[in-house]
Amino acid sequence: MSRSLWKPVYIDSKIANQEKNLTYTLYNRNLTILPEYLGLSVKIYNGIRFYEIIITEKMFGYKFGEFSSTRRYPKHKKKK
């Protein structure tokens, strides 16, 4: 279910105050990517490991969770 339109955008003020050369770890995947985050290096936790991404202009308006997959791809056994 998506967030209601009358509510403001869900953001984290700690990320906006970060320096550009540091990496910031996120556990909350439903934060919206804002233009202030351009060039930041962020590690996003997907439940198993961290995915490191660098925020670009094409990512604005998306959620952080869209860039770290939580699904495992099936590995089928080979026939003998």
PDB file of N, CA and C in Angstrom:
ATOM      1  N   MET A   1       0.845  -1.168   0.000  1.00  0.00           N
ATOM      2  CA  MET A   1       0.000   0.000   0.000  1.00  0.00           C
ATOM      3  C   MET A   1       0.892   1.232   0.000  1.00  0.00           C
ATOM      4  N   SER A   2       0.576   2.186  -0.820  1.00  0.00           N
ATOM      5  CA  SER A   2       1.395   3.382  -0.924  1.00  0.00           C
ATOM      6  C   SER A   2       1.020   4.397   0.155  1.00  0.00           C
ATOM      7  N   ARG A   3       1.869   5.366   0.314  1.00  0.00           N
ATOM      8  CA  ARG A   3       1.658   6.408   1.316  1.00  0.00           C
ATOM      9  C   ARG A   3       0.579   7.374   0.836  1.00  0.00           C
ATOM     10  N   SER A   4      -0.250   7.862   1.757  1.00  0.00           N
ATOM     11  CA  SER A   4      -1.329   8.780   1.416  1.00  0.00           C
ATOM     12  C   SER A   4      -0.775  10.084   0.854  1.00  0.00           C
ATOM     13  N   LEU A   5      -1.497  10.672  -0.091  1.00  0.00           N
ATOM     14  CA  LEU A   5      -1.027  11.883  -0.744  1.00  0.00           C
ATOM     15  C   LEU A   5      -1.067  13.106   0.163  1.00  0.00           C
ATOM     16  N   TRP A   6      -1.934  13.092   1.171  1.00  0.00           N
ATOM     17  CA  TRP A   6      -2.025  14.261   2.031  1.00  0.00           C
ATOM     18  C   TRP A   6      -0.890  14.304   3.054  1.00  0.00           C
ATOM     19  N   LYS A   7      -0.163  13.194   3.223  1.00  0.00           N
ATOM     20  CA  LYS A   7       0.959  13.171   4.156  1.00  0.00           C
ATOM     21  C   LYS A   7       2.203  13.736   3.473  1.00  0.00           C
ATOM     22  N   PRO A   8       3.106  14.338   4.240  1.00  0.00           N
ATOM     23  CA  PRO A   8       4.345  14.840   3.625  1.00  0.00           C
ATOM     24  C   PRO A   8       5.269  13.689   3.245  1.00  0.00           C
ATOM     25  N   VAL A   9       6.292  13.977   2.458  1.00  0.00           N
ATOM     26  CA  VAL A   9       7.256  12.975   2.022  1.00  0.00           C
ATOM     27  C   VAL A   9       8.061  12.508   3.227  1.00  0.00           C
ATOM     28  N   TYR A  10       8.271  11.200   3.317  1.00  0.00           N
ATOM     29  CA  TYR A  10       9.003  10.625   4.442  1.00  0.00           C
ATOM     30  C   TYR A  10      10.499  10.700   4.156  1.00  0.00           C
ATOM     31  N   ILE A  11      11.235  11.502   4.956  1.00  0.00           N
ATOM     32  CA  ILE A  11      12.669  11.704   4.737  1.00  0.00           C
ATOM     33  C   ILE A  11      13.398  11.544   6.061  1.00  0.00           C
ATOM     34  N   ASP A  12      14.723  11.454   5.975  1.00  0.00           N
ATOM     35  CA  ASP A  12      15.571  11.376   7.154  1.00  0.00           C
ATOM     36  C   ASP A  12      16.501  12.582   7.145  1.00  0.00           C
ATOM     37  N   SER A  13      16.423  13.418   8.155  1.00  0.00           N
ATOM     38  CA  SER A  13      17.220  14.647   8.172  1.00  0.00           C
ATOM     39  C   SER A  13      18.701  14.365   8.403  1.00  0.00           C
ATOM     40  N   LYS A  14      19.051  13.194   8.932  1.00  0.00           N
ATOM     41  CA  LYS A  14      20.452  12.859   9.168  1.00  0.00           C
ATOM     42  C   LYS A  14      21.211  12.713   7.854  1.00  0.00           C
ATOM     43  N   ILE A  15      20.546  12.227   6.816  1.00  0.00           N
ATOM     44  CA  ILE A  15      21.209  12.009   5.533  1.00  0.00           C
ATOM     45  C   ILE A  15      21.548  13.335   4.869  1.00  0.00           C
ATOM     46  N   ALA A  16      20.668  14.303   4.956  1.00  0.00           N
ATOM     47  CA  ALA A  16      20.890  15.592   4.298  1.00  0.00           C
ATOM     48  C   ALA A  16      22.075  16.337   4.893  1.00  0.00           C
ATOM     49  N   ASN A  17      22.399  16.072   6.150  1.00  0.00           N
ATOM     50  CA  ASN A  17      23.494  16.764   6.808  1.00  0.00           C
ATOM     51  C   ASN A  17      24.827  16.037   6.675  1.00  0.00           C
ATOM     52  N   GLN A  18      24.876  14.940   5.921  1.00  0.00           N
ATOM     53  CA  GLN A  18      26.099  14.167   5.765  1.00  0.00           C
ATOM     54  C   GLN A  18      27.068  14.844   4.809  1.00  0.00           C
ATOM     55  N   GLU A  19      28.349  14.569   5.012  1.00  0.00           N
ATOM     56  CA  GLU A  19      29.372  15.050   4.087  1.00  0.00           C
ATOM     57  C   GLU A  19      29.375  14.153   2.856  1.00  0.00           C
ATOM     58  N   LYS A  20      29.830  14.689   1.742  1.00  0.00           N
ATOM     59  CA  LYS A  20      29.771  13.963   0.472  1.00  0.00           C
ATOM     60  C   LYS A  20      30.718  12.769   0.418  1.00  0.00           C
ATOM     61  N   ASN A  21      31.809  12.766   1.191  1.00  0.00           N
ATOM     62  CA  ASN A  21      32.786  11.697   1.070  1.00  0.00           C
ATOM     63  C   ASN A  21      32.535  10.537   2.032  1.00  0.00           C
ATOM     64  N   LEU A  22      31.542  10.621   2.903  1.00  0.00           N
ATOM     65  CA  LEU A  22      31.227   9.557   3.843  1.00  0.00           C
ATOM     66  C   LEU A  22      30.109   8.677   3.306  1.00  0.00           C
ATOM     67  N   THR A  23      30.074   7.425   3.765  1.00  0.00           N
ATOM     68  CA  THR A  23      28.956   6.550   3.424  1.00  0.00           C
ATOM     69  C   THR A  23      28.023   6.488   4.626  1.00  0.00           C
ATOM     70  N   TYR A  24      26.754   6.459   4.358  1.00  0.00           N
ATOM     71  CA  TYR A  24      25.735   6.447   5.393  1.00  0.00           C
ATOM     72  C   TYR A  24      24.963   5.144   5.291  1.00  0.00           C
ATOM     73  N   THR A  25      24.762   4.444   6.377  1.00  0.00           N
ATOM     74  CA  THR A  25      24.037   3.179   6.352  1.00  0.00           C
ATOM     75  C   THR A  25      22.571   3.420   6.668  1.00  0.00           C
ATOM     76  N   LEU A  26      21.717   2.784   5.899  1.00  0.00           N
ATOM     77  CA  LEU A  26      20.268   2.908   6.066  1.00  0.00           C
ATOM     78  C   LEU A  26      19.652   1.546   6.318  1.00  0.00           C
ATOM     79  N   TYR A  27      18.793   1.479   7.295  1.00  0.00           N
ATOM     80  CA  TYR A  27      17.994   0.285   7.514  1.00  0.00           C
ATOM     81  C   TYR A  27      16.557   0.508   7.052  1.00  0.00           C
ATOM     82  N   ASN A  28      16.169   1.758   6.929  1.00  0.00           N
ATOM     83  CA  ASN A  28      14.815   2.115   6.546  1.00  0.00           C
ATOM     84  C   ASN A  28      14.753   2.284   5.032  1.00  0.00           C
ATOM     85  N   ARG A  29      14.068   1.358   4.355  1.00  0.00           N
ATOM     86  CA  ARG A  29      14.065   1.333   2.898  1.00  0.00           C
ATOM     87  C   ARG A  29      12.981   2.210   2.279  1.00  0.00           C
ATOM     88  N   ASN A  30      12.066   2.745   3.083  1.00  0.00           N
ATOM     89  CA  ASN A  30      10.962   3.513   2.504  1.00  0.00           C
ATOM     90  C   ASN A  30      11.182   5.022   2.548  1.00  0.00           C
ATOM     91  N   LEU A  31      12.420   5.459   2.671  1.00  0.00           N
ATOM     92  CA  LEU A  31      12.738   6.887   2.609  1.00  0.00           C
ATOM     93  C   LEU A  31      12.762   7.332   1.152  1.00  0.00           C
ATOM     94  N   THR A  32      12.258   8.514   0.884  1.00  0.00           N
ATOM     95  CA  THR A  32      12.242   9.058  -0.467  1.00  0.00           C
ATOM     96  C   THR A  32      13.575   9.745  -0.761  1.00  0.00           C
ATOM     97  N   ILE A  33      14.082   9.562  -1.982  1.00  0.00           N
ATOM     98  CA  ILE A  33      15.346  10.180  -2.388  1.00  0.00           C
ATOM     99  C   ILE A  33      15.059  11.597  -2.869  1.00  0.00           C
ATOM    100  N   LEU A  34      15.719  12.562  -2.250  1.00  0.00           N
ATOM    101  CA  LEU A  34      15.532  13.976  -2.559  1.00  0.00           C
ATOM    102  C   LEU A  34      16.750  14.529  -3.294  1.00  0.00           C
ATOM    103  N   PRO A  35      16.621  15.671  -3.985  1.00  0.00           N
ATOM    104  CA  PRO A  35      17.763  16.270  -4.690  1.00  0.00           C
ATOM    105  C   PRO A  35      18.925  16.664  -3.766  1.00  0.00           C
ATOM    106  N   GLU A  36      18.668  16.869  -2.481  1.00  0.00           N
ATOM    107  CA  GLU A  36      19.746  17.212  -1.552  1.00  0.00           C
ATOM    108  C   GLU A  36      20.724  16.063  -1.360  1.00  0.00           C
ATOM    109  N   TYR A  37      20.317  14.846  -1.687  1.00  0.00           N
ATOM    110  CA  TYR A  37      21.145  13.660  -1.487  1.00  0.00           C
ATOM    111  C   TYR A  37      22.055  13.376  -2.678  1.00  0.00           C
ATOM    112  N   LEU A  38      22.082  14.230  -3.680  1.00  0.00           N
ATOM    113  CA  LEU A  38      22.861  13.995  -4.895  1.00  0.00           C
ATOM    114  C   LEU A  38      24.336  13.801  -4.574  1.00  0.00           C
ATOM    115  N   GLY A  39      24.905  12.714  -5.047  1.00  0.00           N
ATOM    116  CA  GLY A  39      26.317  12.420  -4.861  1.00  0.00           C
ATOM    117  C   GLY A  39      26.660  11.687  -3.580  1.00  0.00           C
ATOM    118  N   LEU A  40      25.691  11.457  -2.703  1.00  0.00           N
ATOM    119  CA  LEU A  40      25.967  10.737  -1.464  1.00  0.00           C
ATOM    120  C   LEU A  40      26.146   9.251  -1.741  1.00  0.00           C
ATOM    121  N   SER A  41      26.986   8.620  -0.967  1.00  0.00           N
ATOM    122  CA  SER A  41      27.168   7.179  -1.021  1.00  0.00           C
ATOM    123  C   SER A  41      26.392   6.582   0.145  1.00  0.00           C
ATOM    124  N   VAL A  42      25.461   5.677  -0.155  1.00  0.00           N
ATOM    125  CA  VAL A  42      24.565   5.137   0.848  1.00  0.00           C
ATOM    126  C   VAL A  42      24.606   3.620   0.793  1.00  0.00           C
ATOM    127  N   LYS A  43      24.653   2.981   1.977  1.00  0.00           N
ATOM    128  CA  LYS A  43      24.550   1.529   2.066  1.00  0.00           C
ATOM    129  C   LYS A  43      23.152   1.198   2.565  1.00  0.00           C
ATOM    130  N   ILE A  44      22.404   0.400   1.773  1.00  0.00           N
ATOM    131  CA  ILE A  44      21.023   0.063   2.094  1.00  0.00           C
ATOM    132  C   ILE A  44      20.949  -1.398   2.509  1.00  0.00           C
ATOM    133  N   TYR A  45      20.361  -1.658   3.656  1.00  0.00           N
ATOM    134  CA  TYR A  45      20.248  -3.014   4.185  1.00  0.00           C
ATOM    135  C   TYR A  45      19.005  -3.682   3.617  1.00  0.00           C
ATOM    136  N   ASN A  46      19.158  -4.908   3.099  1.00  0.00           N
ATOM    137  CA  ASN A  46      18.010  -5.603   2.525  1.00  0.00           C
ATOM    138  C   ASN A  46      17.568  -6.777   3.380  1.00  0.00           C
ATOM    139  N   GLY A  47      18.088  -6.921   4.576  1.00  0.00           N
ATOM    140  CA  GLY A  47      17.727  -8.017   5.448  1.00  0.00           C
ATOM    141  C   GLY A  47      18.812  -9.057   5.554  1.00  0.00           C
ATOM    142  N   ILE A  48      19.729  -9.073   4.602  1.00  0.00           N
ATOM    143  CA  ILE A  48      20.830 -10.024   4.600  1.00  0.00           C
ATOM    144  C   ILE A  48      22.171  -9.288   4.571  1.00  0.00           C
ATOM    145  N   ARG A  49      22.305  -8.362   3.637  1.00  0.00           N
ATOM    146  CA  ARG A  49      23.556  -7.629   3.497  1.00  0.00           C
ATOM    147  C   ARG A  49      23.271  -6.202   3.044  1.00  0.00           C
ATOM    148  N   PHE A  50      24.321  -5.387   2.989  1.00  0.00           N
ATOM    149  CA  PHE A  50      24.201  -3.996   2.567  1.00  0.00           C
ATOM    150  C   PHE A  50      24.546  -3.863   1.089  1.00  0.00           C
ATOM    151  N   TYR A  51      23.755  -3.076   0.356  1.00  0.00           N
ATOM    152  CA  TYR A  51      24.044  -2.712  -1.020  1.00  0.00           C
ATOM    153  C   TYR A  51      24.494  -1.257  -1.023  1.00  0.00           C
ATOM    154  N   GLU A  52      25.648  -0.999  -1.603  1.00  0.00           N
ATOM    155  CA  GLU A  52      26.157   0.371  -1.648  1.00  0.00           C
ATOM    156  C   GLU A  52      25.794   1.009  -2.981  1.00  0.00           C
ATOM    157  N   ILE A  53      25.167   2.182  -2.922  1.00  0.00           N
ATOM    158  CA  ILE A  53      24.810   2.919  -4.128  1.00  0.00           C
ATOM    159  C   ILE A  53      25.274   4.362  -3.986  1.00  0.00           C
ATOM    160  N   ILE A  54      25.479   5.006  -5.111  1.00  0.00           N
ATOM    161  CA  ILE A  54      25.765   6.433  -5.161  1.00  0.00           C
ATOM    162  C   ILE A  54      24.563   7.094  -5.819  1.00  0.00           C
ATOM    163  N   ILE A  55      23.996   8.082  -5.177  1.00  0.00           N
ATOM    164  CA  ILE A  55      22.751   8.687  -5.636  1.00  0.00           C
ATOM    165  C   ILE A  55      23.019   9.598  -6.829  1.00  0.00           C
ATOM    166  N   THR A  56      22.260   9.376  -7.915  1.00  0.00           N
ATOM    167  CA  THR A  56      22.373  10.179  -9.129  1.00  0.00           C
ATOM    168  C   THR A  56      21.051  10.904  -9.375  1.00  0.00           C
ATOM    169  N   GLU A  57      21.028  11.711 -10.430  1.00  0.00           N
ATOM    170  CA  GLU A  57      19.832  12.512 -10.731  1.00  0.00           C
ATOM    171  C   GLU A  57      18.640  11.650 -11.131  1.00  0.00           C
ATOM    172  N   LYS A  58      18.867  10.496 -11.714  1.00  0.00           N
ATOM    173  CA  LYS A  58      17.778   9.636 -12.165  1.00  0.00           C
ATOM    174  C   LYS A  58      17.019   8.986 -11.013  1.00  0.00           C
ATOM    175  N   MET A  59      17.562   9.026  -9.816  1.00  0.00           N
ATOM    176  CA  MET A  59      16.967   8.363  -8.658  1.00  0.00           C
ATOM    177  C   MET A  59      16.005   9.242  -7.874  1.00  0.00           C
ATOM    178  N   PHE A  60      15.895  10.518  -8.200  1.00  0.00           N
ATOM    179  CA  PHE A  60      15.053  11.425  -7.423  1.00  0.00           C
ATOM    180  C   PHE A  60      13.594  10.985  -7.479  1.00  0.00           C
ATOM    181  N   GLY A  61      12.935  10.994  -6.336  1.00  0.00           N
ATOM    182  CA  GLY A  61      11.526  10.642  -6.258  1.00  0.00           C
ATOM    183  C   GLY A  61      11.277   9.173  -5.993  1.00  0.00           C
ATOM    184  N   TYR A  62      12.283   8.329  -6.163  1.00  0.00           N
ATOM    185  CA  TYR A  62      12.134   6.909  -5.873  1.00  0.00           C
ATOM    186  C   TYR A  62      12.410   6.653  -4.402  1.00  0.00           C
ATOM    187  N   LYS A  63      12.166   5.426  -3.964  1.00  0.00           N
ATOM    188  CA  LYS A  63      12.472   5.015  -2.600  1.00  0.00           C
ATOM    189  C   LYS A  63      13.826   4.308  -2.595  1.00  0.00           C
ATOM    190  N   PHE A  64      14.497   4.320  -1.446  1.00  0.00           N
ATOM    191  CA  PHE A  64      15.782   3.653  -1.345  1.00  0.00           C
ATOM    192  C   PHE A  64      15.657   2.144  -1.522  1.00  0.00           C
ATOM    193  N   GLY A  65      14.534   1.590  -1.120  1.00  0.00           N
ATOM    194  CA  GLY A  65      14.334   0.152  -1.215  1.00  0.00           C
ATOM    195  C   GLY A  65      14.266  -0.375  -2.637  1.00  0.00           C
ATOM    196  N   GLU A  66      14.017   0.481  -3.602  1.00  0.00           N
ATOM    197  CA  GLU A  66      13.932   0.045  -4.989  1.00  0.00           C
ATOM    198  C   GLU A  66      15.303  -0.288  -5.568  1.00  0.00           C
ATOM    199  N   PHE A  67      16.370   0.081  -4.878  1.00  0.00           N
ATOM    200  CA  PHE A  67      17.714  -0.140  -5.389  1.00  0.00           C
ATOM    201  C   PHE A  67      18.455  -1.239  -4.640  1.00  0.00           C
ATOM    202  N   SER A  68      17.777  -1.962  -3.749  1.00  0.00           N
ATOM    203  CA  SER A  68      18.377  -3.115  -3.082  1.00  0.00           C
ATOM    204  C   SER A  68      17.343  -4.233  -3.060  1.00  0.00           C
ATOM    205  N   SER A  69      17.586  -5.241  -3.838  1.00  0.00           N
ATOM    206  CA  SER A  69      16.640  -6.339  -3.981  1.00  0.00           C
ATOM    207  C   SER A  69      16.635  -7.229  -2.736  1.00  0.00           C
ATOM    208  N   THR A  70      15.452  -7.672  -2.334  1.00  0.00           N
ATOM    209  CA  THR A  70      15.329  -8.574  -1.191  1.00  0.00           C
ATOM    210  C   THR A  70      15.056 -10.002  -1.639  1.00  0.00           C
ATOM    211  N   ARG A  71      14.918 -10.222  -2.914  1.00  0.00           N
ATOM    212  CA  ARG A  71      14.600 -11.548  -3.441  1.00  0.00           C
ATOM    213  C   ARG A  71      15.876 -12.305  -3.793  1.00  0.00           C
ATOM    214  N   ARG A  72      15.803 -13.614  -3.627  1.00  0.00           N
ATOM    215  CA  ARG A  72      16.897 -14.470  -4.072  1.00  0.00           C
ATOM    216  C   ARG A  72      16.487 -15.108  -5.383  1.00  0.00           C
ATOM    217  N   TYR A  73      17.422 -15.170  -6.300  1.00  0.00           N
ATOM    218  CA  TYR A  73      17.131 -15.800  -7.568  1.00  0.00           C
ATOM    219  C   TYR A  73      17.254 -17.309  -7.428  1.00  0.00           C
ATOM    220  N   PRO A  74      16.324 -18.073  -8.017  1.00  0.00           N
ATOM    221  CA  PRO A  74      16.362 -19.525  -7.829  1.00  0.00           C
ATOM    222  C   PRO A  74      17.550 -20.135  -8.564  1.00  0.00           C
ATOM    223  N   LYS A  75      18.173 -21.101  -7.915  1.00  0.00           N
ATOM    224  CA  LYS A  75      19.271 -21.859  -8.513  1.00  0.00           C
ATOM    225  C   LYS A  75      18.793 -23.291  -8.648  1.00  0.00           C
ATOM    226  N   HIS A  76      18.524 -23.703  -9.847  1.00  0.00           N
ATOM    227  CA  HIS A  76      18.017 -25.047 -10.086  1.00  0.00           C
ATOM    228  C   HIS A  76      19.165 -26.029 -10.163  1.00  0.00           C
ATOM    229  N   LYS A  77      18.920 -27.223  -9.682  1.00  0.00           N
ATOM    230  CA  LYS A  77      19.941 -28.258  -9.736  1.00  0.00           C
ATOM    231  C   LYS A  77      20.062 -28.785 -11.152  1.00  0.00           C
ATOM    232  N   LYS A  78      21.289 -29.135 -11.520  1.00  0.00           N
ATOM    233  CA  LYS A  78      21.529 -29.698 -12.855  1.00  0.00           C
ATOM    234  C   LYS A  78      21.229 -31.193 -12.825  1.00  0.00           C
ATOM    235  N   LYS A  79      20.722 -31.683 -13.958  1.00  0.00           N
ATOM    236  CA  LYS A  79      20.476 -33.118 -14.074  1.00  0.00           C
ATOM    237  C   LYS A  79      21.786 -33.836 -14.231  1.00  0.00           C
ATOM    238  N   LYS A  80      21.881 -35.021 -13.658  1.00  0.00           N
ATOM    239  CA  LYS A  80      23.113 -35.814 -13.749  1.00  0.00           C
ATOM    240  C   LYS A  80      23.147 -36.654 -14.975  1.00  0.00           C
TER     241      LYS A  80
END
